[in-house]
PDB file of N, CA and C in Angstrom:
ATOM      1  N   MET A   1     -77.706   3.660   4.243  1.00  0.00           N
ATOM      2  CA  MET A   1     -79.058   4.967   4.217  1.00  0.00           C
ATOM      3  C   MET A   1     -78.286   6.139   5.614  1.00  0.00           C
ATOM      4  N   ALA A   2     -78.069   5.005   6.576  1.00  0.00           N
ATOM      5  CA  ALA A   2     -77.649   5.900   7.697  1.00  0.00           C
ATOM      6  C   ALA A   2     -76.452   6.449   7.739  1.00  0.00           C
ATOM      7  N   MET A   3     -75.090   5.880   7.422  1.00  0.00           N
ATOM      8  CA  MET A   3     -74.012   6.443   7.209  1.00  0.00           C
ATOM      9  C   MET A   3     -74.223   7.457   6.142  1.00  0.00           C
ATOM     10  N   ILE A   4     -74.588   7.792   5.260  1.00  0.00           N
ATOM     11  CA  ILE A   4     -74.976   8.755   4.135  1.00  0.00           C
ATOM     12  C   ILE A   4     -75.337   9.883   4.867  1.00  0.00           C
ATOM     13  N   SER A   5     -76.495   9.360   5.331  1.00  0.00           N
ATOM     14  CA  SER A   5     -77.105  10.722   5.999  1.00  0.00           C
ATOM     15  C   SER A   5     -75.983  11.231   7.034  1.00  0.00           C
ATOM     16  N   PHE A   6     -75.204  10.593   8.046  1.00  0.00           N
ATOM     17  CA  PHE A   6     -74.657  11.198   8.863  1.00  0.00           C
ATOM     18  C   PHE A   6     -73.455  11.972   8.094  1.00  0.00           C
ATOM     19  N   LEU A   7     -72.632  11.257   6.981  1.00  0.00           N
ATOM     20  CA  LEU A   7     -71.758  12.047   6.446  1.00  0.00           C
ATOM     21  C   LEU A   7     -72.295  13.300   5.856  1.00  0.00           C
ATOM     22  N   GLU A   8     -73.490  12.966   5.657  1.00  0.00           N
ATOM     23  CA  GLU A   8     -74.133  14.549   5.005  1.00  0.00           C
ATOM     24  C   GLU A   8     -74.096  15.831   5.724  1.00  0.00           C
ATOM     25  N   GLN A   9     -74.516  15.097   6.961  1.00  0.00           N
ATOM     26  CA  GLN A   9     -74.818  16.264   8.208  1.00  0.00           C
ATOM     27  C   GLN A   9     -73.400  16.708   8.305  1.00  0.00           C
ATOM     28  N   GLU A  10     -72.284  15.931   8.952  1.00  0.00           N
ATOM     29  CA  GLU A  10     -70.998  16.313   9.390  1.00  0.00           C
ATOM     30  C   GLU A  10     -69.776  16.245   8.464  1.00  0.00           C
ATOM     31  N   THR A  11     -69.978  16.327   7.480  1.00  0.00           N
ATOM     32  CA  THR A  11     -68.983  16.678   6.344  1.00  0.00           C
ATOM     33  C   THR A  11     -69.318  17.948   5.682  1.00  0.00           C
ATOM     34  N   ASN A  12     -68.308  18.943   5.950  1.00  0.00           N
ATOM     35  CA  ASN A  12     -68.108  20.339   4.804  1.00  0.00           C
ATOM     36  C   ASN A  12     -67.027  20.758   4.362  1.00  0.00           C
ATOM     37  N   PHE A  13     -67.194  21.108   3.125  1.00  0.00           N
ATOM     38  CA  PHE A  13     -66.040  20.911   2.507  1.00  0.00           C
ATOM     39  C   PHE A  13     -66.036  22.632   2.038  1.00  0.00           C
ATOM     40  N   ASP A  14     -64.449  22.854   1.970  1.00  0.00           N
ATOM     41  CA  ASP A  14     -64.043  24.377   2.411  1.00  0.00           C
ATOM     42  C   ASP A  14     -63.064  24.381   1.165  1.00  0.00           C
ATOM     43  N   ASN A  15     -63.748  25.012  -0.620  1.00  0.00           N
ATOM     44  CA  ASN A  15     -63.458  24.752  -1.507  1.00  0.00           C
ATOM     45  C   ASN A  15     -62.254  25.661  -1.954  1.00  0.00           C
ATOM     46  N   LYS A  16     -62.178  26.659  -1.067  1.00  0.00           N
ATOM     47  CA  LYS A  16     -61.404  27.697  -1.354  1.00  0.00           C
ATOM     48  C   LYS A  16     -60.092  27.189  -0.978  1.00  0.00           C
ATOM     49  N   ASN A  17     -59.899  26.336   0.475  1.00  0.00           N
ATOM     50  CA  ASN A  17     -58.565  26.124   1.048  1.00  0.00           C
ATOM     51  C   ASN A  17     -58.396  24.815   0.620  1.00  0.00           C
ATOM     52  N   LYS A  18     -59.451  24.268  -0.153  1.00  0.00           N
ATOM     53  CA  LYS A  18     -59.265  22.639  -0.475  1.00  0.00           C
ATOM     54  C   LYS A  18     -58.784  21.639   0.704  1.00  0.00           C
ATOM     55  N   ARG A  19     -60.358  22.132   1.433  1.00  0.00           N
ATOM     56  CA  ARG A  19     -60.232  20.926   2.415  1.00  0.00           C
ATOM     57  C   ARG A  19     -61.747  20.425   2.975  1.00  0.00           C
ATOM     58  N   VAL A  20     -61.329  19.303   3.285  1.00  0.00           N
ATOM     59  CA  VAL A  20     -62.758  18.496   3.694  1.00  0.00           C
ATOM     60  C   VAL A  20     -62.685  18.326   5.251  1.00  0.00           C
ATOM     61  N   ASN A  21     -63.564  18.787   5.794  1.00  0.00           N
ATOM     62  CA  ASN A  21     -63.636  19.124   7.685  1.00  0.00           C
ATOM     63  C   ASN A  21     -64.770  17.903   7.960  1.00  0.00           C
ATOM     64  N   VAL A  22     -64.087  16.941   8.549  1.00  0.00           N
ATOM     65  CA  VAL A  22     -64.696  15.459   8.812  1.00  0.00           C
ATOM     66  C   VAL A  22     -64.988  15.372  10.398  1.00  0.00           C
ATOM     67  N   THR A  23     -66.015  14.093  10.618  1.00  0.00           N
ATOM     68  CA  THR A  23     -66.149  14.221  11.779  1.00  0.00           C
ATOM     69  C   THR A  23     -64.832  13.198  12.356  1.00  0.00           C
ATOM     70  N   ARG A  24     -64.913  14.018  13.607  1.00  0.00           N
ATOM     71  CA  ARG A  24     -63.538  13.474  14.689  1.00  0.00           C
ATOM     72  C   ARG A  24     -63.348  11.852  14.532  1.00  0.00           C
ATOM     73  N   LEU A  25     -64.601  11.099  14.718  1.00  0.00           N
ATOM     74  CA  LEU A  25     -64.487   9.546  14.684  1.00  0.00           C
ATOM     75  C   LEU A  25     -63.962   9.172  13.773  1.00  0.00           C
ATOM     76  N   PHE A  26     -63.794   9.414  12.631  1.00  0.00           N
ATOM     77  CA  PHE A  26     -62.855   9.817  11.669  1.00  0.00           C
ATOM     78  C   PHE A  26     -61.466   9.451  12.206  1.00  0.00           C
ATOM     79  N   LEU A  27     -60.751  10.230  12.713  1.00  0.00           N
ATOM     80  CA  LEU A  27     -59.475  10.303  13.451  1.00  0.00           C
ATOM     81  C   LEU A  27     -59.187   9.346  14.804  1.00  0.00           C
ATOM     82  N   TRP A  28     -60.191   8.990  15.486  1.00  0.00           N
ATOM     83  CA  TRP A  28     -60.409   7.999  16.429  1.00  0.00           C
ATOM     84  C   TRP A  28     -60.190   6.837  15.885  1.00  0.00           C
ATOM     85  N   PHE A  29     -60.571   5.807  14.869  1.00  0.00           N
ATOM     86  CA  PHE A  29     -60.530   5.327  14.204  1.00  0.00           C
ATOM     87  C   PHE A  29     -60.077   4.969  13.011  1.00  0.00           C
ATOM     88  N   LEU A  30     -59.212   5.785  12.720  1.00  0.00           N
ATOM     89  CA  LEU A  30     -58.078   5.857  11.638  1.00  0.00           C
ATOM     90  C   LEU A  30     -57.896   4.897  10.907  1.00  0.00           C
ATOM     91  N   GLY A  31     -57.014   3.815  11.666  1.00  0.00           N
ATOM     92  CA  GLY A  31     -56.767   2.676  11.342  1.00  0.00           C
ATOM     93  C   GLY A  31     -57.661   1.711  10.900  1.00  0.00           C
ATOM     94  N   ASP A  32     -58.826   1.700  11.221  1.00  0.00           N
ATOM     95  CA  ASP A  32     -59.979   0.991  10.879  1.00  0.00           C
ATOM     96  C   ASP A  32     -60.626   1.340   9.465  1.00  0.00           C
ATOM     97  N   PHE A  33     -60.343   2.602   9.117  1.00  0.00           N
ATOM     98  CA  PHE A  33     -60.925   3.349   8.391  1.00  0.00           C
ATOM     99  C   PHE A  33     -59.852   3.192   6.697  1.00  0.00           C
ATOM    100  N   GLY A  34     -58.849   2.940   7.098  1.00  0.00           N
ATOM    101  CA  GLY A  34     -57.810   2.486   6.002  1.00  0.00           C
ATOM    102  C   GLY A  34     -56.922   3.984   6.303  1.00  0.00           C
ATOM    103  N   GLY A  35     -56.854   4.535   7.022  1.00  0.00           N
ATOM    104  CA  GLY A  35     -55.970   6.011   6.924  1.00  0.00           C
ATOM    105  C   GLY A  35     -56.933   7.022   6.561  1.00  0.00           C
ATOM    106  N   ILE A  36     -56.060   7.879   6.373  1.00  0.00           N
ATOM    107  CA  ILE A  36     -56.117   9.558   5.509  1.00  0.00           C
ATOM    108  C   ILE A  36     -56.876   8.647   3.739  1.00  0.00           C
ATOM    109  N   LYS A  37     -56.068   7.507   3.236  1.00  0.00           N
ATOM    110  CA  LYS A  37     -56.544   7.581   2.173  1.00  0.00           C
ATOM    111  C   LYS A  37     -57.877   6.796   2.180  1.00  0.00           C
ATOM    112  N   GLY A  38     -58.384   5.890   3.243  1.00  0.00           N
ATOM    113  CA  GLY A  38     -59.456   5.258   3.188  1.00  0.00           C
ATOM    114  C   GLY A  38     -60.764   6.489   3.647  1.00  0.00           C
ATOM    115  N   VAL A  39     -60.011   7.496   4.462  1.00  0.00           N
ATOM    116  CA  VAL A  39     -61.106   8.298   4.765  1.00  0.00           C
ATOM    117  C   VAL A  39     -61.787   9.285   3.420  1.00  0.00           C
ATOM    118  N   LYS A  40     -60.526   9.636   2.632  1.00  0.00           N
ATOM    119  CA  LYS A  40     -60.936  10.031   1.725  1.00  0.00           C
ATOM    120  C   LYS A  40     -62.001   9.726   0.614  1.00  0.00           C
ATOM    121  N   LYS A  41     -61.786   8.341   0.419  1.00  0.00           N
ATOM    122  CA  LYS A  41     -62.217   7.280  -0.578  1.00  0.00           C
ATOM    123  C   LYS A  41     -63.688   7.115   0.110  1.00  0.00           C
ATOM    124  N   ILE A  42     -63.912   7.072   1.259  1.00  0.00           N
ATOM    125  CA  ILE A  42     -65.291   6.771   1.795  1.00  0.00           C
ATOM    126  C   ILE A  42     -65.998   7.923   1.449  1.00  0.00           C
ATOM    127  N   ILE A  43     -65.421   8.860   1.716  1.00  0.00           N
ATOM    128  CA  ILE A  43     -66.231  10.495   1.314  1.00  0.00           C
ATOM    129  C   ILE A  43     -66.433  10.241  -0.344  1.00  0.00           C
ATOM    130  N   GLU A  44     -65.742   9.924  -1.213  1.00  0.00           N
ATOM    131  CA  GLU A  44     -65.809  10.081  -2.577  1.00  0.00           C
ATOM    132  C   GLU A  44     -66.671   9.084  -2.862  1.00  0.00           C
ATOM    133  N   GLU A  45     -66.316   8.031  -2.516  1.00  0.00           N
ATOM    134  CA  GLU A  45     -68.095   7.007  -3.020  1.00  0.00           C
ATOM    135  C   GLU A  45     -69.352   7.118  -1.770  1.00  0.00           C
ATOM    136  N   LYS A  46     -69.270   7.565  -0.829  1.00  0.00           N
ATOM    137  CA  LYS A  46     -70.462   7.594  -0.421  1.00  0.00           C
ATOM    138  C   LYS A  46     -71.178   8.950  -0.381  1.00  0.00           C
ATOM    139  N   LEU A  47     -70.467   9.813  -0.728  1.00  0.00           N
ATOM    140  CA  LEU A  47     -71.248  11.499  -1.031  1.00  0.00           C
ATOM    141  C   LEU A  47     -70.844  11.638  -2.400  1.00  0.00           C
ATOM    142  N   ASN A  48     -70.350  10.709  -3.580  1.00  0.00           N
ATOM    143  CA  ASN A  48     -70.294  10.958  -4.992  1.00  0.00           C
ATOM    144  C   ASN A  48     -69.319  12.125  -5.273  1.00  0.00           C
ATOM    145  N   ILE A  49     -68.265  12.972  -4.103  1.00  0.00           N
ATOM    146  CA  ILE A  49     -67.920  13.995  -4.419  1.00  0.00           C
ATOM    147  C   ILE A  49     -66.546  14.009  -4.564  1.00  0.00           C
ATOM    148  N   ASP A  50     -65.852  14.750  -5.805  1.00  0.00           N
ATOM    149  CA  ASP A  50     -64.522  14.150  -5.851  1.00  0.00           C
ATOM    150  C   ASP A  50     -63.396  15.186  -5.140  1.00  0.00           C
ATOM    151  N   ILE A  51     -62.744  14.702  -4.171  1.00  0.00           N
ATOM    152  CA  ILE A  51     -62.004  15.167  -3.276  1.00  0.00           C
ATOM    153  C   ILE A  51     -60.517  15.056  -3.711  1.00  0.00           C
ATOM    154  N   SER A  52     -60.129  14.519  -5.066  1.00  0.00           N
ATOM    155  CA  SER A  52     -58.818  14.583  -4.909  1.00  0.00           C
ATOM    156  C   SER A  52     -57.975  15.917  -4.938  1.00  0.00           C
ATOM    157  N   GLY A  53     -56.634  15.904  -4.629  1.00  0.00           N
ATOM    158  CA  GLY A  53     -56.236  17.611  -3.903  1.00  0.00           C
ATOM    159  C   GLY A  53     -56.732  18.105  -2.818  1.00  0.00           C
ATOM    160  N   PHE A  54     -57.448  17.247  -2.257  1.00  0.00           N
ATOM    161  CA  PHE A  54     -58.187  18.067  -0.859  1.00  0.00           C
ATOM    162  C   PHE A  54     -57.497  17.483   0.341  1.00  0.00           C
ATOM    163  N   GLY A  55     -57.032  18.308   1.138  1.00  0.00           N
ATOM    164  CA  GLY A  55     -56.681  17.869   2.756  1.00  0.00           C
ATOM    165  C   GLY A  55     -58.075  17.241   3.642  1.00  0.00           C
ATOM    166  N   ILE A  56     -57.632  17.048   4.460  1.00  0.00           N
ATOM    167  CA  ILE A  56     -58.365  16.311   5.814  1.00  0.00           C
ATOM    168  C   ILE A  56     -58.280  16.789   7.118  1.00  0.00           C
ATOM    169  N   LYS A  57     -59.004  17.748   7.330  1.00  0.00           N
ATOM    170  CA  LYS A  57     -59.362  18.424   9.027  1.00  0.00           C
ATOM    171  C   LYS A  57     -60.132  17.765   9.430  1.00  0.00           C
ATOM    172  N   PHE A  58     -60.086  17.096  10.884  1.00  0.00           N
ATOM    173  CA  PHE A  58     -60.588  16.567  11.929  1.00  0.00           C
ATOM    174  C   PHE A  58     -61.528  17.779  12.544  1.00  0.00           C
ATOM    175  N   LYS A  59     -62.937  17.657  12.667  1.00  0.00           N
ATOM    176  CA  LYS A  59     -63.157  18.697  14.016  1.00  0.00           C
ATOM    177  C   LYS A  59     -62.940  18.555  15.140  1.00  0.00           C
ATOM    178  N   SER A  60     -63.374  19.224  15.961  1.00  0.00           N
ATOM    179  CA  SER A  60     -63.040  19.039  17.693  1.00  0.00           C
ATOM    180  C   SER A  60     -64.706  17.959  17.874  1.00  0.00           C
ATOM    181  N   TYR A  61     -64.846  17.763  18.877  1.00  0.00           N
ATOM    182  CA  TYR A  61     -65.551  16.612  19.454  1.00  0.00           C
ATOM    183  C   TYR A  61     -66.166  17.252  20.757  1.00  0.00           C
ATOM    184  N   HIS A  62     -67.170  17.846  20.707  1.00  0.00           N
ATOM    185  CA  HIS A  62     -67.488  17.972  21.851  1.00  0.00           C
ATOM    186  C   HIS A  62     -68.553  17.037  22.417  1.00  0.00           C
ATOM    187  N   TRP A  63     -68.441  16.435  23.852  1.00  0.00           N
ATOM    188  CA  TRP A  63     -69.222  15.723  24.595  1.00  0.00           C
ATOM    189  C   TRP A  63     -70.656  16.025  25.230  1.00  0.00           C
ATOM    190  N   ASP A  64     -70.547  16.873  25.085  1.00  0.00           N
ATOM    191  CA  ASP A  64     -72.151  17.593  25.859  1.00  0.00           C
ATOM    192  C   ASP A  64     -72.989  17.985  24.551  1.00  0.00           C
ATOM    193  N   GLU A  65     -72.939  18.138  22.889  1.00  0.00           N
ATOM    194  CA  GLU A  65     -73.664  17.911  21.931  1.00  0.00           C
ATOM    195  C   GLU A  65     -74.408  17.187  22.274  1.00  0.00           C
ATOM    196  N   LYS A  66     -76.113  17.476  22.091  1.00  0.00           N
ATOM    197  CA  LYS A  66     -76.919  16.288  21.955  1.00  0.00           C
ATOM    198  C   LYS A  66     -77.139  15.566  22.953  1.00  0.00           C
ATOM    199  N   LEU A  67     -77.074  15.734  24.377  1.00  0.00           N
ATOM    200  CA  LEU A  67     -77.219  14.872  25.042  1.00  0.00           C
ATOM    201  C   LEU A  67     -78.922  14.519  25.455  1.00  0.00           C
ATOM    202  N   LEU A  68     -79.525  15.299  25.020  1.00  0.00           N
ATOM    203  CA  LEU A  68     -80.829  14.998  25.164  1.00  0.00           C
ATOM    204  C   LEU A  68     -81.642  14.448  24.122  1.00  0.00           C
ATOM    205  N   ASN A  69     -80.747  14.121  22.887  1.00  0.00           N
ATOM    206  CA  ASN A  69     -80.956  13.127  21.801  1.00  0.00           C
ATOM    207  C   ASN A  69     -81.141  11.632  21.826  1.00  0.00           C
ATOM    208  N   PHE A  70     -82.410  11.732  22.938  1.00  0.00           N
ATOM    209  CA  PHE A  70     -82.791  10.379  23.054  1.00  0.00           C
ATOM    210  C   PHE A  70     -84.218  10.330  23.401  1.00  0.00           C
ATOM    211  N   HIS A  71     -84.642   9.216  23.532  1.00  0.00           N
ATOM    212  CA  HIS A  71     -86.378   9.084  23.445  1.00  0.00           C
ATOM    213  C   HIS A  71     -86.799   9.714  25.155  1.00  0.00           C
ATOM    214  N   PRO A  72     -87.719  10.758  25.224  1.00  0.00           N
ATOM    215  CA  PRO A  72     -87.949  11.250  26.313  1.00  0.00           C
ATOM    216  C   PRO A  72     -88.979  10.152  27.531  1.00  0.00           C
ATOM    217  N   GLN A  73     -89.029   9.328  27.144  1.00  0.00           N
ATOM    218  CA  GLN A  73     -89.637   8.401  28.326  1.00  0.00           C
ATOM    219  C   GLN A  73     -88.545   7.682  28.859  1.00  0.00           C
ATOM    220  N   LEU A  74     -87.142   7.660  28.236  1.00  0.00           N
ATOM    221  CA  LEU A  74     -86.554   6.961  28.741  1.00  0.00           C
ATOM    222  C   LEU A  74     -85.478   7.721  30.012  1.00  0.00           C
ATOM    223  N   GLN A  75     -86.174   9.307  29.980  1.00  0.00           N
ATOM    224  CA  GLN A  75     -85.096   9.978  30.897  1.00  0.00           C
ATOM    225  C   GLN A  75     -85.090   9.262  31.938  1.00  0.00           C
ATOM    226  N   ILE A  76     -84.259   9.617  33.436  1.00  0.00           N
ATOM    227  CA  ILE A  76     -84.370   9.080  34.633  1.00  0.00           C
ATOM    228  C   ILE A  76     -84.925  10.320  35.446  1.00  0.00           C
ATOM    229  N   ALA A  77     -85.494   9.928  36.429  1.00  0.00           N
ATOM    230  CA  ALA A  77     -85.868  11.131  37.380  1.00  0.00           C
ATOM    231  C   ALA A  77     -85.075  11.427  38.265  1.00  0.00           C
TER     232      ALA A  77
END
């Protein structure tokens, strides 16, 4: 369920240009996911969306995003 939730939040579909914008994590671990074909398969199976004929574009990754996305009691003073 966590993976599906992550994919739903991080995946955007550009139907006009037939492109799927995916998290850059897929690019960093492309071999582990089975290449571009594997990434497409994951998107299709987990999100139940047919993306045949679509290209894949990897989003840029910003290290400064969500830096405060942790438990507030764990903050170091």
